Amino acid sequence: MKKIFIAVCCFLLGFSLVSSSQVKKVDAIGIIVSDMDRSEKFYSEVLQFKKISDQELQGENWEKLFGVFGIRFRVVRMALGEEVIDLVDYLTAGGRSIPEDARSNDLFFQHIAIVVSDMDSAYKILRRFGVQHVSTGPQTLPASIPAAAGIKAFYFHDPDHHNLEIIYFPKGKGQDKWQKPGGKIFLGIDHTAIGVSSTDKSHQFYQHLLGIERKGDSWNKGIEQEHLNNVEGASLHITGYRSAAGPGIEFLEYIKPGPGKKYPADTRSDDLWSWHTSLHVENAEKLFQQLKSPRSPYRVVSKELVVIKRDGKPVQKSFLARDPDGHALLFVETLD
């Protein structure tokens, strides 16, 4: 019945859905930073990420892609296990800082969940480096939340006030690869979590439009969840999505106390809260034209579909768009 309802809604909007195989991989999570040297040091020394590339970019193509005139920016790609992040520092004016009163139920909330092999050891490292707590301390989710029972998690801030999470999966939870011994404490990125106002609306976008598969749902509440998110009375509907490769995407819909502040409508790509998740797609032009359609309910940030060249040869087609709540997605088609 729900599939029929979604199809009817799309028909009434005059907006048809593309193939469910559009997204092939969830790639890098882009995090906007204000001081690259400080952030690179934090992610490498505290969380054990390894730098794999470092470049400065400028020019008309990049301005069109990110929708901001006159930009020059530095991108440092860092890896933890099989997953990667892109730290992005706009060297021109740079954007606005994350509001000091930001909370975990705000709709511009986004974090990465970093898997650890031992929560106590990981927390001791974070304490040694003096990280700012969001959670009151590591929380073990109880048996009253069957989908998450035994999982341990802790929220904290990086130097720019970005939310980060470390998470421990007991046997039987999470992906099999997180159970393989290797002697490391910080293992990789399980998912990026985003605040959503409606699971159904976001589901229509991520699964029915982009083809990222829904893997499971959990309804989390209780004192442990409240202290994890640091939101009194928190009751969440959490939904996990995963593509064929890369980290998952997790929806956080706050049933109680409800969604907090909306994603600012005037957000620019260089604002520090404007994370972007890179998605590798089969046909960027087809998706761009569909999302750019006057009948589309979604917002495209890029001025056009941008062709990126390297040594004069086209290597990818890209554009930036926003999901139903404003989270940025960088769509990338790699050219042979």
Protein backbone atom coordinates (compact mmCIF):
# COMPACT_ATOMS: atom_id res chain seq x y z
CA MET A 1 0.00 0.00 0.00
CA LYS A 2 2.84 2.43 0.86
CA LYS A 3 4.50 1.83 -2.54
CA ILE A 4 1.21 2.58 -4.30
CA PHE A 5 0.80 5.76 -2.24
CA ILE A 6 4.30 6.96 -3.16
CA ALA A 7 3.73 6.24 -6.83
CA VAL A 8 0.44 8.15 -6.81
CA CYS A 9 2.08 11.12 -5.05
CA CYS A 10 4.83 11.22 -7.67
CA PHE A 11 2.24 11.04 -10.47
CA LEU A 12 0.30 13.95 -8.98
CA LEU A 13 3.52 15.96 -8.74
CA GLY A 14 4.35 15.16 -12.35
CA PHE A 15 7.62 13.74 -11.09
CA SER A 16 8.64 10.21 -12.12
CA LEU A 17 11.26 8.12 -10.36
CA VAL A 18 14.51 6.93 -11.94
CA SER A 19 15.94 3.44 -11.83
CA SER A 20 16.52 2.08 -8.34
CA SER A 21 20.11 1.21 -9.33
CA GLN A 22 21.18 4.86 -9.66
CA VAL A 23 23.67 5.01 -6.74
CA LYS A 24 26.54 2.53 -6.94
CA LYS A 25 28.55 3.61 -3.91
CA VAL A 26 28.48 5.93 -0.92
CA ASP A 27 31.95 7.46 -1.04
CA ALA A 28 33.60 10.23 0.98
CA ILE A 29 31.82 12.23 3.67
CA GLY A 30 32.74 15.90 3.20
CA ILE A 31 33.28 17.91 6.39
CA ILE A 32 33.78 21.68 6.16
CA VAL A 33 36.51 22.96 8.49
CA SER A 34 37.83 26.40 9.42
CA ASP A 35 41.50 25.50 10.01
CA MET A 36 42.83 22.60 7.96
CA ASP A 37 46.06 22.11 9.88
CA ARG A 38 44.17 21.92 13.18
CA SER A 39 41.55 19.52 11.81
CA GLU A 40 44.07 17.30 10.05
CA LYS A 41 46.00 16.99 13.30
CA PHE A 42 42.84 16.14 15.25
CA TYR A 43 41.63 13.43 12.88
CA SER A 44 45.08 11.88 12.49
CA GLU A 45 46.36 12.07 16.08
CA VAL A 46 43.13 11.47 17.99
CA LEU A 47 41.14 9.21 15.65
CA GLN A 48 44.00 7.62 13.67
CA PHE A 49 42.89 8.66 10.17
CA LYS A 50 45.63 8.57 7.50
CA LYS A 51 46.07 11.34 4.94
CA ILE A 52 45.94 10.06 1.37
CA SER A 53 45.75 13.28 -0.67
CA ASP A 54 46.01 17.06 -0.27
CA GLN A 55 45.11 19.57 -2.97
CA GLU A 56 44.00 23.17 -3.54
CA LEU A 57 41.26 23.87 -6.08
CA GLN A 58 39.87 27.00 -7.70
CA GLY A 59 38.21 28.11 -10.90
CA GLU A 60 34.87 28.54 -12.61
CA ASN A 61 33.98 24.84 -12.64
CA TRP A 62 34.29 24.58 -8.87
CA GLU A 63 32.28 27.77 -8.39
CA LYS A 64 29.48 26.32 -10.54
CA LEU A 65 29.64 22.97 -8.76
CA PHE A 66 29.34 24.32 -5.21
CA GLY A 67 27.25 27.37 -6.08
CA VAL A 68 29.63 29.87 -4.47
CA PHE A 69 31.45 32.57 -6.45
CA GLY A 70 35.14 33.29 -6.02
CA ILE A 71 36.18 30.23 -4.03
CA ARG A 72 39.54 28.66 -3.48
CA PHE A 73 39.58 25.66 -1.18
CA ARG A 74 41.85 22.97 0.16
CA VAL A 75 40.72 19.35 0.32
CA VAL A 76 42.49 16.76 2.43
CA ARG A 77 41.23 13.21 1.95
CA MET A 78 41.78 10.93 4.93
CA ALA A 79 41.11 7.21 5.33
CA LEU A 80 40.21 5.05 8.29
CA GLY A 81 40.09 1.41 7.27
CA GLU A 82 38.15 1.20 4.01
CA GLU A 83 36.23 4.47 4.45
CA VAL A 84 37.25 8.04 3.66
CA ILE A 85 36.40 11.61 4.62
CA ASP A 86 37.16 14.83 2.79
CA LEU A 87 38.14 17.74 5.03
CA VAL A 88 37.32 20.93 3.09
CA ASP A 89 38.76 24.32 4.08
CA TYR A 90 37.52 27.32 2.09
CA LEU A 91 40.56 29.60 1.88
CA THR A 92 38.65 32.64 0.65
CA ALA A 93 36.02 34.09 2.99
CA GLY A 94 34.93 30.78 4.44
CA GLY A 95 31.43 30.25 5.79
CA ARG A 96 29.53 30.60 9.03
CA SER A 97 30.29 28.58 12.15
CA ILE A 98 27.99 25.96 13.63
CA PRO A 99 25.57 27.68 16.05
CA GLU A 100 26.62 27.31 19.67
CA ASP A 101 23.09 26.21 20.61
CA ALA A 102 22.97 23.40 18.02
CA ARG A 103 21.47 20.18 19.36
CA SER A 104 21.30 16.57 18.22
CA ASN A 105 17.65 16.86 17.13
CA ASP A 106 18.25 19.85 14.83
CA LEU A 107 17.63 19.01 11.19
CA PHE A 108 21.09 20.23 10.12
CA PHE A 109 22.61 17.59 12.42
CA GLN A 110 25.01 15.17 10.73
CA HIS A 111 27.76 12.96 12.08
CA ILE A 112 29.96 10.03 11.17
CA ALA A 113 29.93 6.90 13.34
CA ILE A 114 33.48 5.65 13.86
CA VAL A 115 33.65 1.98 14.82
CA VAL A 116 35.94 1.04 17.70
CA SER A 117 37.11 -2.38 18.85
CA ASP A 118 37.02 -1.41 22.54
CA MET A 119 34.88 1.42 23.89
CA ASP A 120 36.76 1.88 27.16
CA SER A 121 40.12 2.23 25.39
CA ALA A 122 38.73 4.58 22.76
CA TYR A 123 37.06 6.78 25.38
CA LYS A 124 40.30 7.00 27.35
CA ILE A 125 42.08 8.27 24.23
CA LEU A 126 39.40 10.91 23.67
CA ARG A 127 39.65 12.01 27.30
CA ARG A 128 43.43 12.22 27.05
CA PHE A 129 43.07 14.65 24.15
CA GLY A 130 40.41 16.65 25.98
CA VAL A 131 37.56 16.31 23.48
CA GLN A 132 34.32 18.11 24.23
CA HIS A 133 31.51 15.78 25.32
CA VAL A 134 28.07 15.75 23.76
CA SER A 135 27.02 12.53 25.52
CA THR A 136 27.48 12.47 29.28
CA GLY A 137 29.69 9.42 28.72
CA PRO A 138 29.67 6.15 26.74
CA GLN A 139 26.21 4.56 26.77
CA THR A 140 25.30 0.87 26.44
CA LEU A 141 21.92 0.51 24.78
CA PRO A 142 19.62 -1.85 26.71
CA ALA A 143 17.72 -5.01 25.77
CA SER A 144 14.53 -2.94 25.59
CA ILE A 145 15.85 -1.72 22.19
CA PRO A 146 16.21 -5.11 20.43
CA ALA A 147 17.82 -3.82 17.22
CA ALA A 148 20.53 -1.98 19.18
CA ALA A 149 20.85 -4.02 22.38
CA GLY A 150 24.45 -4.16 23.60
CA ILE A 151 25.74 -1.50 21.25
CA LYS A 152 27.94 1.08 23.00
CA ALA A 153 28.18 4.64 21.70
CA PHE A 154 29.46 8.10 22.59
CA TYR A 155 28.95 11.51 20.94
CA PHE A 156 31.61 14.25 21.02
CA HIS A 157 32.78 17.33 19.11
CA ASP A 158 35.73 17.97 16.84
CA PRO A 159 37.54 21.37 16.93
CA ASP A 160 34.84 23.00 14.74
CA HIS A 161 31.95 21.76 16.89
CA HIS A 162 31.05 19.00 14.41
CA ASN A 163 29.32 16.03 15.98
CA LEU A 164 31.17 12.72 15.85
CA GLU A 165 30.32 9.31 17.29
CA ILE A 166 32.37 6.32 18.33
CA ILE A 167 30.42 3.08 18.29
CA TYR A 168 31.13 -0.47 19.44
CA PHE A 169 29.25 -3.44 17.99
CA PRO A 170 28.96 -6.62 20.08
CA LYS A 171 28.82 -9.97 18.28
CA GLY A 172 25.71 -10.29 16.18
CA LYS A 173 25.41 -6.53 15.58
CA GLY A 174 26.70 -4.42 12.72
CA GLN A 175 28.62 -5.63 9.67
CA ASP A 176 30.75 -8.77 9.90
CA LYS A 177 33.93 -6.84 9.17
CA TRP A 178 33.72 -5.02 12.51
CA GLN A 179 34.21 -8.36 14.30
CA LYS A 180 37.53 -9.22 12.66
CA PRO A 181 40.49 -8.91 15.07
CA GLY A 182 43.30 -6.63 13.99
CA GLY A 183 44.73 -4.97 17.04
CA LYS A 184 43.48 -1.48 16.17
CA ILE A 185 41.11 0.58 18.31
CA PHE A 186 39.64 2.85 15.59
CA LEU A 187 38.48 0.66 12.70
CA GLY A 188 36.46 2.61 10.13
CA ILE A 189 33.21 4.47 9.47
CA ASP A 190 30.00 2.49 9.75
CA HIS A 191 27.61 5.25 8.64
CA THR A 192 26.82 8.91 8.48
CA ALA A 193 23.68 9.92 10.39
CA ILE A 194 21.41 12.81 9.40
CA GLY A 195 18.49 14.52 11.09
CA VAL A 196 15.20 14.06 9.18
CA SER A 197 11.76 15.54 9.69
CA SER A 198 9.95 12.63 8.01
CA THR A 199 11.29 9.12 7.51
CA ASP A 200 8.73 8.53 4.73
CA LYS A 201 9.78 11.60 2.73
CA SER A 202 13.46 10.80 3.10
CA HIS A 203 12.79 7.15 2.22
CA GLN A 204 11.14 8.24 -1.03
CA PHE A 205 14.24 10.26 -1.93
CA TYR A 206 16.99 7.87 -0.86
CA GLN A 207 15.48 4.51 -1.82
CA HIS A 208 12.86 5.13 -4.49
CA LEU A 209 14.81 7.86 -6.28
CA LEU A 210 18.44 6.96 -5.58
CA GLY A 211 18.20 3.22 -4.98
CA ILE A 212 19.94 3.12 -1.60
CA GLU A 213 18.38 0.15 0.14
CA ARG A 214 16.60 0.30 3.48
CA LYS A 215 18.23 -2.26 5.77
CA GLY A 216 16.41 -1.88 9.09
CA ASP A 217 14.55 0.23 11.61
CA SER A 218 14.91 0.79 15.32
CA TRP A 219 12.79 2.75 17.79
CA ASN A 220 15.13 4.03 20.49
CA LYS A 221 14.17 5.60 23.77
CA GLY A 222 15.14 5.44 27.42
CA ILE A 223 17.64 7.08 29.71
CA GLU A 224 20.66 5.69 27.83
CA GLN A 225 19.47 7.12 24.52
CA GLU A 226 18.69 10.45 26.17
CA HIS A 227 22.20 10.69 27.60
CA LEU A 228 23.76 9.56 24.32
CA ASN A 229 22.12 12.34 22.28
CA ASN A 230 21.98 14.72 25.27
CA VAL A 231 18.32 15.42 24.49
CA GLU A 232 15.98 15.03 27.46
CA GLY A 233 13.05 12.71 26.72
CA ALA A 234 14.53 11.65 23.38
CA SER A 235 12.55 9.06 21.44
CA LEU A 236 13.82 8.31 17.95
CA HIS A 237 12.90 6.37 14.86
CA ILE A 238 16.26 5.32 13.42
CA THR A 239 16.43 3.87 9.91
CA GLY A 240 19.54 2.44 8.25
CA TYR A 241 20.25 2.55 4.50
CA ARG A 242 23.15 1.04 2.61
CA SER A 243 24.32 1.01 -0.99
CA ALA A 244 26.37 -1.73 -2.65
CA ALA A 245 29.57 -0.20 -1.26
CA GLY A 246 30.71 2.36 1.28
CA PRO A 247 29.33 3.51 4.62
CA GLY A 248 25.62 3.52 5.37
CA ILE A 249 23.28 6.50 5.70
CA GLU A 250 21.17 6.61 8.86
CA PHE A 251 18.02 8.67 9.41
CA LEU A 252 17.38 10.13 12.85
CA GLU A 253 13.74 11.17 13.21
CA TYR A 254 12.98 12.55 16.66
CA ILE A 255 9.47 11.50 17.65
CA LYS A 256 10.03 13.26 20.99
CA PRO A 257 10.70 16.10 21.60
CA GLY A 258 10.31 16.43 17.83
CA PRO A 259 12.62 18.01 15.27
CA GLY A 260 14.64 20.99 16.41
CA LYS A 261 15.80 23.86 14.22
CA LYS A 262 15.35 23.49 10.46
CA TYR A 263 18.22 23.36 8.01
CA PRO A 264 18.86 27.08 7.28
CA ALA A 265 17.35 27.94 3.89
CA ASP A 266 20.23 30.29 3.09
CA THR A 267 22.95 27.68 3.70
CA ARG A 268 25.99 27.98 1.43
CA SER A 269 28.41 25.17 0.63
CA ASP A 270 31.13 26.85 2.70
CA ASP A 271 29.07 27.06 5.92
CA LEU A 272 30.60 24.72 8.49
CA TRP A 273 27.39 22.75 9.08
CA SER A 274 27.01 22.04 5.33
CA TRP A 275 28.47 18.54 5.18
CA HIS A 276 28.16 16.72 1.86
CA THR A 277 28.00 13.01 1.18
CA SER A 278 29.54 11.87 -2.12
CA LEU A 279 27.48 9.35 -4.07
CA HIS A 280 28.79 7.57 -7.16
CA VAL A 281 26.00 7.24 -9.72
CA GLU A 282 25.51 5.52 -13.06
CA ASN A 283 24.13 8.49 -15.00
CA ALA A 284 24.71 11.93 -13.51
CA GLU A 285 23.15 13.81 -16.42
CA LYS A 286 19.87 11.91 -16.21
CA LEU A 287 19.64 12.47 -12.46
CA PHE A 288 20.62 16.14 -12.80
CA GLN A 289 17.91 16.80 -15.36
CA GLN A 290 15.31 15.07 -13.23
CA LEU A 291 16.18 16.92 -10.04
CA LYS A 292 16.48 20.21 -11.96
CA SER A 293 13.00 19.80 -13.46
CA PRO A 294 10.52 22.58 -12.51
CA ARG A 295 8.25 19.82 -11.19
CA SER A 296 10.93 18.40 -8.91
CA PRO A 297 10.40 19.02 -5.18
CA TYR A 298 14.18 18.89 -4.63
CA ARG A 299 16.85 21.60 -4.80
CA VAL A 300 19.91 21.50 -7.03
CA VAL A 301 22.74 23.75 -5.79
CA SER A 302 25.07 23.50 -8.79
CA LYS A 303 24.51 25.97 -11.62
CA GLU A 304 25.01 23.18 -14.16
CA LEU A 305 26.25 19.63 -14.54
CA VAL A 306 29.99 20.15 -14.18
CA VAL A 307 32.59 18.16 -16.10
CA ILE A 308 35.83 17.88 -14.13
CA LYS A 309 39.00 17.48 -16.17
CA ARG A 310 42.46 16.24 -15.25
CA ASP A 311 45.35 16.96 -17.60
CA GLY A 312 42.79 18.15 -20.15
CA LYS A 313 40.84 14.87 -20.08
CA PRO A 314 37.29 14.64 -18.66
CA VAL A 315 37.35 12.37 -15.60
CA GLN A 316 33.97 12.92 -13.97
CA LYS A 317 30.58 14.60 -14.14
CA SER A 318 29.33 16.08 -10.88
CA PHE A 319 26.64 18.20 -9.29
CA LEU A 320 25.51 19.12 -5.79
CA ALA A 321 21.90 18.84 -4.61
CA ARG A 322 20.03 18.78 -1.31
CA ASP A 323 17.75 16.11 0.16
CA PRO A 324 14.25 16.86 1.53
CA ASP A 325 15.67 18.36 4.75
CA GLY A 326 18.60 20.23 3.20
CA HIS A 327 21.52 17.79 3.59
CA ALA A 328 23.98 18.16 0.70
CA LEU A 329 24.77 15.30 -1.65
CA LEU A 330 27.60 15.42 -4.19
CA PHE A 331 26.68 13.19 -7.14
CA VAL A 332 29.65 11.88 -9.11
CA GLU A 333 29.79 9.87 -12.34
CA THR A 334 33.26 8.59 -13.13
CA LEU A 335 34.16 8.71 -16.83
CA ASP A 336 36.25 5.99 -18.47
